[in-house]
Amino acid sequence: MSSNSIDFKGRVAIVTGAGGGLGRQHALALAARGAKVVVNDLGGARDGSGGSVSAAQAVVDEIVAAGGAAIANGASVTDFEAVQAMVQQAVDAWGRVDILVNNAGILRDKSFSKMEIADFKLVVDVHLMGAVNCTKAVWALMNAQKYGRIVMTTSSSGLYGNFGQSNYGAAKLALVGLMQTLSIEGAKNDIRVNCLAPTAATRMTEDLFPKEMLEAFQPDAVVPAMLVLASQDAPNRTVLCAGAGVFEAAHITLTQGVWLGSGPDAPEQLAARLAEVTSREGEVVPQSGATQGSNEVGKAMAAKVDKA
């Protein structure tokens, strides 16, 4: 390995949903580069039913056999008290938690018209509230030690939509919103929060892609992006996309817009100039939500000056 290689010696990581698929690859890769890893997995079916710690323990056994350090945890990420106990388990074993990879998830795909509301709520609970629970459980610890790296797992389904995944997509884009604010709040104590949008052939996606695509989208091709986002030199507030060895970045942008005022014909003016409003020429990536308000005030003030 080169002198500027990414390593995690002395770091402690928690990876949720790490009993198989992408989470397993994340845990193995972090351990191979020196991290001590809590391998969390409820051990349930793809739809979230059932549970057994055996899947997590099997990954721990792999890590230990390779000379690494790992412990298994079977907590459901939807159970905040169990998640708190998981974090305490890491602290009791190794004294700290440096990295959290929020990877746990389930699928209950159906078109929105056929989806039961319970299936919508459960998917949001696992993906969104599961990440909230785990992040909340490490947040004070990371603030106190003035170091933390948190990776949220978003998805192209959340960023761009996908038929039959309204529940999953809503939860995954919500994680981007969570990341946007936490990256701002954590910056003063060197807590860097980012999102990973993977495309990978796992148990979660085996029904979604044809065989030849599944062969291209091996989970280990996504891992480099996670390692960068979990590393000491990680960016902050980045949505990194990865699949088949290709890496991209996604951005939520703001167009320049136009000032139309609030007169009685504003709706008609907006309809007539909508193409101008949505034009991507000169768009920006705001550094906080305040940018939108600043842009609007600036344009409104400029319009008043022009009228004077």
Foldseek 3Di string as FASTA:
>chain_A
DDPPDFAQALAEEEFAQCLDALNVLLQLVNQVRHYAYEQEYQCAAQLPDDGDQVSSVVSQVVSVVVVGHYDYANDQLLDLVSLLVSQVVRCVVRNAHAEYELDDFHDDFDAPVPDDVVSLVVRLSRQAVSLVSNCVSRVVRLLVVLHHFYEREAACCLVPNDGRGPSNNVNRVVVLVVQLVVLVVSVVSHYAYEYEHEDAQTSNCVVPDDPVQNVLFHSNLRNVVVSQRSGSNHDHSWYWYTGSNDIDTDADKAALAADDDDDPCSVVVCVVCVCVRPDRVPIDRDSDPCVVVVSRVVRVVVVVVVVD
